[in-house]
Amino acid sequence: MGLFSKARLDWYSHANPDGSKGGMVSVDAEIDDGVHIPVSAVVMPNVHVTADMEIENGALVTSEGSLKFTLD
Protein backbone atom coordinates (compact mmCIF):
# COMPACT_ATOMS: atom_id res chain seq x y z
CA MET A 1 0.00 0.00 0.00
CA GLY A 2 1.38 3.37 -0.99
CA LEU A 3 1.43 6.68 0.79
CA PHE A 4 -1.82 7.85 -0.81
CA SER A 5 -3.63 4.52 -0.89
CA LYS A 6 -6.24 5.62 1.67
CA ALA A 7 -6.98 8.94 -0.03
CA ARG A 8 -10.03 8.95 -2.27
CA LEU A 9 -11.01 11.98 -4.27
CA ASP A 10 -14.27 12.19 -6.14
CA TRP A 11 -14.56 14.40 -9.22
CA TYR A 12 -17.11 15.56 -11.75
CA SER A 13 -16.93 17.31 -15.10
CA HIS A 14 -18.23 20.87 -14.73
CA ALA A 15 -21.01 22.02 -17.06
CA ASN A 16 -20.33 25.61 -18.14
CA PRO A 17 -23.15 28.18 -18.34
CA ASP A 18 -23.02 28.08 -22.16
CA GLY A 19 -23.56 24.30 -22.11
CA SER A 20 -19.98 23.41 -22.99
CA LYS A 21 -18.03 20.75 -21.11
CA GLY A 22 -15.89 22.24 -18.37
CA GLY A 23 -12.90 21.07 -16.41
CA MET A 24 -12.68 18.52 -13.62
CA VAL A 25 -13.89 19.67 -10.20
CA SER A 26 -13.53 17.98 -6.82
CA VAL A 27 -16.83 17.22 -5.09
CA ASP A 28 -15.28 19.01 -2.10
CA ALA A 29 -15.02 22.30 -4.04
CA GLU A 30 -17.74 24.95 -4.14
CA ILE A 31 -18.51 26.45 -7.55
CA ASP A 32 -20.87 29.45 -7.73
CA ASP A 33 -23.52 29.73 -10.45
CA GLY A 34 -22.30 31.29 -13.68
CA VAL A 35 -18.68 30.13 -13.37
CA HIS A 36 -16.88 29.08 -16.57
CA ILE A 37 -14.17 26.45 -16.05
CA PRO A 38 -12.12 25.59 -19.16
CA VAL A 39 -12.03 21.89 -20.04
CA SER A 40 -8.25 21.85 -19.43
CA ALA A 41 -8.56 23.24 -15.88
CA VAL A 42 -8.77 21.31 -12.60
CA VAL A 43 -10.32 22.58 -9.35
CA MET A 44 -8.99 20.80 -6.27
CA PRO A 45 -10.78 20.11 -2.94
CA ASN A 46 -11.59 22.93 -0.49
CA VAL A 47 -11.68 25.64 -3.17
CA HIS A 48 -14.52 28.16 -3.50
CA VAL A 49 -14.74 29.57 -7.02
CA THR A 50 -16.85 32.72 -7.20
CA ALA A 51 -18.53 34.13 -10.30
CA ASP A 52 -16.07 37.05 -10.48
CA MET A 53 -13.01 34.76 -10.72
CA GLU A 54 -11.43 33.95 -14.08
CA ILE A 55 -9.97 30.48 -14.48
CA GLU A 56 -7.58 30.15 -17.40
CA ASN A 57 -6.87 27.18 -19.67
CA GLY A 58 -4.49 24.73 -18.03
CA ALA A 59 -5.06 26.06 -14.51
CA LEU A 60 -4.73 23.88 -11.43
CA VAL A 61 -6.77 25.71 -8.80
CA THR A 62 -5.89 24.88 -5.18
CA SER A 63 -6.88 26.36 -1.84
CA GLU A 64 -3.45 28.02 -1.76
CA GLY A 65 -3.65 29.59 -5.22
CA SER A 66 -3.42 28.57 -8.86
CA LEU A 67 -0.79 27.14 -11.17
CA LYS A 68 -1.02 27.44 -14.93
CA PHE A 69 0.45 24.90 -17.30
CA THR A 70 1.21 25.81 -20.90
CA LEU A 71 2.78 24.02 -23.83
CA ASP A 72 5.40 25.91 -25.80
PDB file of N, CA and C in Angstrom:
ATOM      1  N   MET A   1       0.842  -1.182   0.000  1.00  0.00           N
ATOM      2  CA  MET A   1       0.000   0.000   0.000  1.00  0.00           C
ATOM      3  C   MET A   1       0.882   1.237   0.000  1.00  0.00           C
ATOM      4  N   GLY A   2       0.582   2.166  -0.873  1.00  0.00           N
ATOM      5  CA  GLY A   2       1.375   3.375  -0.992  1.00  0.00           C
ATOM      6  C   GLY A   2       0.947   4.464  -0.033  1.00  0.00           C
ATOM      7  N   LEU A   3       1.671   5.536  -0.079  1.00  0.00           N
ATOM      8  CA  LEU A   3       1.429   6.681   0.794  1.00  0.00           C
ATOM      9  C   LEU A   3       0.014   7.230   0.647  1.00  0.00           C
ATOM     10  N   PHE A   4      -0.509   7.258  -0.560  1.00  0.00           N
ATOM     11  CA  PHE A   4      -1.821   7.852  -0.810  1.00  0.00           C
ATOM     12  C   PHE A   4      -2.919   6.806  -1.004  1.00  0.00           C
ATOM     13  N   SER A   5      -2.671   5.581  -0.617  1.00  0.00           N
ATOM     14  CA  SER A   5      -3.629   4.516  -0.890  1.00  0.00           C
ATOM     15  C   SER A   5      -4.958   4.699  -0.173  1.00  0.00           C
ATOM     16  N   LYS A   6      -4.993   5.426   0.934  1.00  0.00           N
ATOM     17  CA  LYS A   6      -6.237   5.624   1.670  1.00  0.00           C
ATOM     18  C   LYS A   6      -6.981   6.881   1.226  1.00  0.00           C
ATOM     19  N   ALA A   7      -6.346   7.700   0.425  1.00  0.00           N
ATOM     20  CA  ALA A   7      -6.979   8.939  -0.033  1.00  0.00           C
ATOM     21  C   ALA A   7      -7.883   8.633  -1.224  1.00  0.00           C
ATOM     22  N   ARG A   8      -9.105   9.105  -1.144  1.00  0.00           N
ATOM     23  CA  ARG A   8     -10.034   8.952  -2.266  1.00  0.00           C
ATOM     24  C   ARG A   8     -10.603  10.323  -2.584  1.00  0.00           C
ATOM     25  N   LEU A   9     -10.450  10.714  -3.815  1.00  0.00           N
ATOM     26  CA  LEU A   9     -11.007  11.980  -4.274  1.00  0.00           C
ATOM     27  C   LEU A   9     -12.081  11.690  -5.303  1.00  0.00           C
ATOM     28  N   ASP A  10     -13.202  12.339  -5.162  1.00  0.00           N
ATOM     29  CA  ASP A  10     -14.273  12.193  -6.139  1.00  0.00           C
ATOM     30  C   ASP A  10     -14.357  13.470  -6.966  1.00  0.00           C
ATOM     31  N   TRP A  11     -14.600  13.301  -8.258  1.00  0.00           N
ATOM     32  CA  TRP A  11     -14.565  14.396  -9.218  1.00  0.00           C
ATOM     33  C   TRP A  11     -15.797  14.370 -10.098  1.00  0.00           C
ATOM     34  N   TYR A  12     -16.083  15.499 -10.716  1.00  0.00           N
ATOM     35  CA  TYR A  12     -17.107  15.558 -11.753  1.00  0.00           C
ATOM     36  C   TYR A  12     -16.655  16.551 -12.813  1.00  0.00           C
ATOM     37  N   SER A  13     -17.214  16.400 -13.999  1.00  0.00           N
ATOM     38  CA  SER A  13     -16.929  17.314 -15.097  1.00  0.00           C
ATOM     39  C   SER A  13     -17.920  18.469 -15.010  1.00  0.00           C
ATOM     40  N   HIS A  14     -17.399  19.682 -14.880  1.00  0.00           N
ATOM     41  CA  HIS A  14     -18.233  20.871 -14.726  1.00  0.00           C
ATOM     42  C   HIS A  14     -18.986  21.166 -16.020  1.00  0.00           C
ATOM     43  N   ALA A  15     -20.227  21.567 -15.904  1.00  0.00           N
ATOM     44  CA  ALA A  15     -21.008  22.024 -17.060  1.00  0.00           C
ATOM     45  C   ALA A  15     -21.005  23.548 -17.046  1.00  0.00           C
ATOM     46  N   ASN A  16     -20.414  24.149 -18.059  1.00  0.00           N
ATOM     47  CA  ASN A  16     -20.326  25.607 -18.140  1.00  0.00           C
ATOM     48  C   ASN A  16     -21.688  26.227 -18.450  1.00  0.00           C
ATOM     49  N   PRO A  17     -21.863  27.512 -18.106  1.00  0.00           N
ATOM     50  CA  PRO A  17     -23.146  28.185 -18.337  1.00  0.00           C
ATOM     51  C   PRO A  17     -23.611  28.157 -19.798  1.00  0.00           C
ATOM     52  N   ASP A  18     -22.652  28.110 -20.735  1.00  0.00           N
ATOM     53  CA  ASP A  18     -23.021  28.078 -22.159  1.00  0.00           C
ATOM     54  C   ASP A  18     -23.322  26.665 -22.660  1.00  0.00           C
ATOM     55  N   GLY A  19     -23.277  25.681 -21.750  1.00  0.00           N
ATOM     56  CA  GLY A  19     -23.564  24.301 -22.106  1.00  0.00           C
ATOM     57  C   GLY A  19     -22.349  23.486 -22.503  1.00  0.00           C
ATOM     58  N   SER A  20     -21.192  24.134 -22.610  1.00  0.00           N
ATOM     59  CA  SER A  20     -19.982  23.409 -22.986  1.00  0.00           C
ATOM     60  C   SER A  20     -19.442  22.606 -21.805  1.00  0.00           C
ATOM     61  N   LYS A  21     -18.656  21.578 -22.133  1.00  0.00           N
ATOM     62  CA  LYS A  21     -18.029  20.750 -21.108  1.00  0.00           C
ATOM     63  C   LYS A  21     -16.919  21.547 -20.439  1.00  0.00           C
ATOM     64  N   GLY A  22     -16.911  21.535 -19.123  1.00  0.00           N
ATOM     65  CA  GLY A  22     -15.889  22.241 -18.370  1.00  0.00           C
ATOM     66  C   GLY A  22     -14.838  21.294 -17.827  1.00  0.00           C
ATOM     67  N   GLY A  23     -13.978  21.835 -16.998  1.00  0.00           N
ATOM     68  CA  GLY A  23     -12.897  21.070 -16.408  1.00  0.00           C
ATOM     69  C   GLY A  23     -13.359  20.162 -15.282  1.00  0.00           C
ATOM     70  N   MET A  24     -12.400  19.443 -14.715  1.00  0.00           N
ATOM     71  CA  MET A  24     -12.679  18.525 -13.624  1.00  0.00           C
ATOM     72  C   MET A  24     -12.692  19.287 -12.303  1.00  0.00           C
ATOM     73  N   VAL A  25     -13.687  18.972 -11.469  1.00  0.00           N
ATOM     74  CA  VAL A  25     -13.888  19.665 -10.201  1.00  0.00           C
ATOM     75  C   VAL A  25     -14.045  18.632  -9.097  1.00  0.00           C
ATOM     76  N   SER A  26     -13.363  18.845  -7.987  1.00  0.00           N
ATOM     77  CA  SER A  26     -13.531  17.982  -6.822  1.00  0.00           C
ATOM     78  C   SER A  26     -14.927  18.172  -6.247  1.00  0.00           C
ATOM     79  N   VAL A  27     -15.523  17.096  -5.747  1.00  0.00           N
ATOM     80  CA  VAL A  27     -16.828  17.217  -5.094  1.00  0.00           C
ATOM     81  C   VAL A  27     -16.720  18.016  -3.806  1.00  0.00           C
ATOM     82  N   ASP A  28     -15.507  18.218  -3.314  1.00  0.00           N
ATOM     83  CA  ASP A  28     -15.277  19.005  -2.103  1.00  0.00           C
ATOM     84  C   ASP A  28     -14.989  20.472  -2.402  1.00  0.00           C
ATOM     85  N   ALA A  29     -15.163  20.886  -3.653  1.00  0.00           N
ATOM     86  CA  ALA A  29     -15.021  22.295  -4.038  1.00  0.00           C
ATOM     87  C   ALA A  29     -16.409  22.910  -4.149  1.00  0.00           C
ATOM     88  N   GLU A  30     -16.469  24.228  -3.999  1.00  0.00           N
ATOM     89  CA  GLU A  30     -17.737  24.949  -4.145  1.00  0.00           C
ATOM     90  C   GLU A  30     -17.634  25.869  -5.356  1.00  0.00           C
ATOM     91  N   ILE A  31     -18.519  25.677  -6.315  1.00  0.00           N
ATOM     92  CA  ILE A  31     -18.509  26.452  -7.549  1.00  0.00           C
ATOM     93  C   ILE A  31     -19.799  27.262  -7.617  1.00  0.00           C
ATOM     94  N   ASP A  32     -19.687  28.589  -7.649  1.00  0.00           N
ATOM     95  CA  ASP A  32     -20.867  29.450  -7.733  1.00  0.00           C
ATOM     96  C   ASP A  32     -21.524  29.338  -9.107  1.00  0.00           C
ATOM     97  N   ASP A  33     -22.799  29.693  -9.172  1.00  0.00           N
ATOM     98  CA  ASP A  33     -23.519  29.731 -10.446  1.00  0.00           C
ATOM     99  C   ASP A  33     -22.844  30.723 -11.393  1.00  0.00           C
ATOM    100  N   GLY A  34     -22.836  30.391 -12.671  1.00  0.00           N
ATOM    101  CA  GLY A  34     -22.304  31.292 -13.681  1.00  0.00           C
ATOM    102  C   GLY A  34     -20.809  31.192 -13.913  1.00  0.00           C
ATOM    103  N   VAL A  35     -20.136  30.269 -13.235  1.00  0.00           N
ATOM    104  CA  VAL A  35     -18.681  30.129 -13.374  1.00  0.00           C
ATOM    105  C   VAL A  35     -18.357  29.313 -14.624  1.00  0.00           C
ATOM    106  N   HIS A  36     -17.379  29.801 -15.399  1.00  0.00           N
ATOM    107  CA  HIS A  36     -16.875  29.080 -16.574  1.00  0.00           C
ATOM    108  C   HIS A  36     -15.527  28.473 -16.206  1.00  0.00           C
ATOM    109  N   ILE A  37     -15.418  27.150 -16.331  1.00  0.00           N
ATOM    110  CA  ILE A  37     -14.166  26.448 -16.052  1.00  0.00           C
ATOM    111  C   ILE A  37     -13.725  25.775 -17.347  1.00  0.00           C
ATOM    112  N   PRO A  38     -12.591  26.196 -17.918  1.00  0.00           N
ATOM    113  CA  PRO A  38     -12.120  25.587 -19.162  1.00  0.00           C
ATOM    114  C   PRO A  38     -11.928  24.076 -19.006  1.00  0.00           C
ATOM    115  N   VAL A  39     -12.131  23.344 -20.085  1.00  0.00           N
ATOM    116  CA  VAL A  39     -12.034  21.889 -20.042  1.00  0.00           C
ATOM    117  C   VAL A  39     -10.644  21.420 -19.610  1.00  0.00           C
ATOM    118  N   SER A  40      -9.615  22.233 -19.807  1.00  0.00           N
ATOM    119  CA  SER A  40      -8.250  21.854 -19.431  1.00  0.00           C
ATOM    120  C   SER A  40      -7.882  22.261 -18.007  1.00  0.00           C
ATOM    121  N   ALA A  41      -8.830  22.801 -17.258  1.00  0.00           N
ATOM    122  CA  ALA A  41      -8.560  23.237 -15.880  1.00  0.00           C
ATOM    123  C   ALA A  41      -9.034  22.187 -14.876  1.00  0.00           C
ATOM    124  N   VAL A  42      -8.417  22.223 -13.686  1.00  0.00           N
ATOM    125  CA  VAL A  42      -8.769  21.310 -12.596  1.00  0.00           C
ATOM    126  C   VAL A  42      -8.944  22.128 -11.328  1.00  0.00           C
ATOM    127  N   VAL A  43     -10.058  21.909 -10.623  1.00  0.00           N
ATOM    128  CA  VAL A  43     -10.319  22.582  -9.353  1.00  0.00           C
ATOM    129  C   VAL A  43     -10.224  21.536  -8.246  1.00  0.00           C
ATOM    130  N   MET A  44      -9.288  21.743  -7.344  1.00  0.00           N
ATOM    131  CA  MET A  44      -8.989  20.798  -6.268  1.00  0.00           C
ATOM    132  C   MET A  44      -9.966  20.954  -5.092  1.00  0.00           C
ATOM    133  N   PRO A  45      -9.907  20.029  -4.114  1.00  0.00           N
ATOM    134  CA  PRO A  45     -10.779  20.111  -2.937  1.00  0.00           C
ATOM    135  C   PRO A  45     -10.571  21.395  -2.138  1.00  0.00           C
ATOM    136  N   ASN A  46     -11.606  21.787  -1.416  1.00  0.00           N
ATOM    137  CA  ASN A  46     -11.587  22.927  -0.490  1.00  0.00           C
ATOM    138  C   ASN A  46     -11.372  24.271  -1.170  1.00  0.00           C
ATOM    139  N   VAL A  47     -11.779  24.382  -2.425  1.00  0.00           N
ATOM    140  CA  VAL A  47     -11.684  25.635  -3.172  1.00  0.00           C
ATOM    141  C   VAL A  47     -13.096  26.184  -3.366  1.00  0.00           C
ATOM    142  N   HIS A  48     -13.245  27.495  -3.203  1.00  0.00           N
ATOM    143  CA  HIS A  48     -14.517  28.164  -3.500  1.00  0.00           C
ATOM    144  C   HIS A  48     -14.270  29.079  -4.689  1.00  0.00           C
ATOM    145  N   VAL A  49     -14.876  28.764  -5.813  1.00  0.00           N
ATOM    146  CA  VAL A  49     -14.739  29.567  -7.025  1.00  0.00           C
ATOM    147  C   VAL A  49     -15.978  30.450  -7.138  1.00  0.00           C
ATOM    148  N   THR A  50     -15.750  31.764  -7.102  1.00  0.00           N
ATOM    149  CA  THR A  50     -16.849  32.720  -7.197  1.00  0.00           C
ATOM    150  C   THR A  50     -17.036  33.169  -8.643  1.00  0.00           C
ATOM    151  N   ALA A  51     -18.190  33.734  -8.930  1.00  0.00           N
ATOM    152  CA  ALA A  51     -18.534  34.132 -10.298  1.00  0.00           C
ATOM    153  C   ALA A  51     -17.615  35.215 -10.855  1.00  0.00           C
ATOM    154  N   ASP A  52     -16.944  35.980  -9.992  1.00  0.00           N
ATOM    155  CA  ASP A  52     -16.066  37.048 -10.480  1.00  0.00           C
ATOM    156  C   ASP A  52     -14.635  36.575 -10.731  1.00  0.00           C
ATOM    157  N   MET A  53     -14.352  35.297 -10.479  1.00  0.00           N
ATOM    158  CA  MET A  53     -13.010  34.758 -10.717  1.00  0.00           C
ATOM    159  C   MET A  53     -12.888  34.285 -12.161  1.00  0.00           C
ATOM    160  N   GLU A  54     -11.691  34.450 -12.729  1.00  0.00           N
ATOM    161  CA  GLU A  54     -11.425  33.948 -14.077  1.00  0.00           C
ATOM    162  C   GLU A  54     -10.443  32.796 -13.973  1.00  0.00           C
ATOM    163  N   ILE A  55     -10.843  31.651 -14.467  1.00  0.00           N
ATOM    164  CA  ILE A  55      -9.968  30.484 -14.481  1.00  0.00           C
ATOM    165  C   ILE A  55      -9.480  30.311 -15.908  1.00  0.00           C
ATOM    166  N   GLU A  56      -8.174  30.236 -16.071  1.00  0.00           N
ATOM    167  CA  GLU A  56      -7.583  30.151 -17.403  1.00  0.00           C
ATOM    168  C   GLU A  56      -7.389  28.705 -17.829  1.00  0.00           C
ATOM    169  N   ASN A  57      -7.200  28.507 -19.137  1.00  0.00           N
ATOM    170  CA  ASN A  57      -6.874  27.183 -19.666  1.00  0.00           C
ATOM    171  C   ASN A  57      -5.637  26.642 -18.972  1.00  0.00           C
ATOM    172  N   GLY A  58      -5.648  25.372 -18.632  1.00  0.00           N
ATOM    173  CA  GLY A  58      -4.491  24.728 -18.031  1.00  0.00           C
ATOM    174  C   GLY A  58      -4.268  25.052 -16.572  1.00  0.00           C
ATOM    175  N   ALA A  59      -5.240  25.676 -15.915  1.00  0.00           N
ATOM    176  CA  ALA A  59      -5.057  26.063 -14.512  1.00  0.00           C
ATOM    177  C   ALA A  59      -5.322  24.887 -13.584  1.00  0.00           C
ATOM    178  N   LEU A  60      -4.500  24.782 -12.550  1.00  0.00           N
ATOM    179  CA  LEU A  60      -4.730  23.878 -11.429  1.00  0.00           C
ATOM    180  C   LEU A  60      -5.055  24.785 -10.256  1.00  0.00           C
ATOM    181  N   VAL A  61      -6.310  24.794  -9.830  1.00  0.00           N
ATOM    182  CA  VAL A  61      -6.774  25.715  -8.800  1.00  0.00           C
ATOM    183  C   VAL A  61      -6.780  24.982  -7.465  1.00  0.00           C
ATOM    184  N   THR A  62      -5.976  25.473  -6.513  1.00  0.00           N
ATOM    185  CA  THR A  62      -5.889  24.876  -5.183  1.00  0.00           C
ATOM    186  C   THR A  62      -6.346  25.890  -4.145  1.00  0.00           C
ATOM    187  N   SER A  63      -6.485  25.450  -2.917  1.00  0.00           N
ATOM    188  CA  SER A  63      -6.885  26.363  -1.844  1.00  0.00           C
ATOM    189  C   SER A  63      -5.783  27.363  -1.516  1.00  0.00           C
ATOM    190  N   GLU A  64      -4.584  27.121  -1.998  1.00  0.00           N
ATOM    191  CA  GLU A  64      -3.451  28.021  -1.758  1.00  0.00           C
ATOM    192  C   GLU A  64      -3.193  28.973  -2.919  1.00  0.00           C
ATOM    193  N   GLY A  65      -3.871  28.763  -4.037  1.00  0.00           N
ATOM    194  CA  GLY A  65      -3.654  29.589  -5.220  1.00  0.00           C
ATOM    195  C   GLY A  65      -3.766  28.740  -6.471  1.00  0.00           C
ATOM    196  N   SER A  66      -3.299  29.274  -7.587  1.00  0.00           N
ATOM    197  CA  SER A  66      -3.417  28.571  -8.861  1.00  0.00           C
ATOM    198  C   SER A  66      -2.076  28.443  -9.547  1.00  0.00           C
ATOM    199  N   LEU A  67      -1.937  27.360 -10.298  1.00  0.00           N
ATOM    200  CA  LEU A  67      -0.790  27.143 -11.175  1.00  0.00           C
ATOM    201  C   LEU A  67      -1.340  27.054 -12.586  1.00  0.00           C
ATOM    202  N   LYS A  68      -0.583  27.543 -13.544  1.00  0.00           N
ATOM    203  CA  LYS A  68      -1.015  27.444 -14.934  1.00  0.00           C
ATOM    204  C   LYS A  68       0.032  26.684 -15.720  1.00  0.00           C
ATOM    205  N   PHE A  69      -0.435  25.700 -16.478  1.00  0.00           N
ATOM    206  CA  PHE A  69       0.451  24.895 -17.296  1.00  0.00           C
ATOM    207  C   PHE A  69       0.225  25.256 -18.752  1.00  0.00           C
ATOM    208  N   THR A  70       1.307  25.494 -19.477  1.00  0.00           N
ATOM    209  CA  THR A  70       1.206  25.809 -20.897  1.00  0.00           C
ATOM    210  C   THR A  70       2.182  24.950 -21.675  1.00  0.00           C
ATOM    211  N   LEU A  71       1.878  24.738 -22.931  1.00  0.00           N
ATOM    212  CA  LEU A  71       2.777  24.025 -23.826  1.00  0.00           C
ATOM    213  C   LEU A  71       3.398  25.034 -24.768  1.00  0.00           C
ATOM    214  N   ASP A  72       4.703  24.998 -24.891  1.00  0.00           N
ATOM    215  CA  ASP A  72       5.398  25.913 -25.803  1.00  0.00           C
ATOM    216  C   ASP A  72       5.544  25.311 -27.168  1.00  0.00           C
TER     217      ASP A  72
END
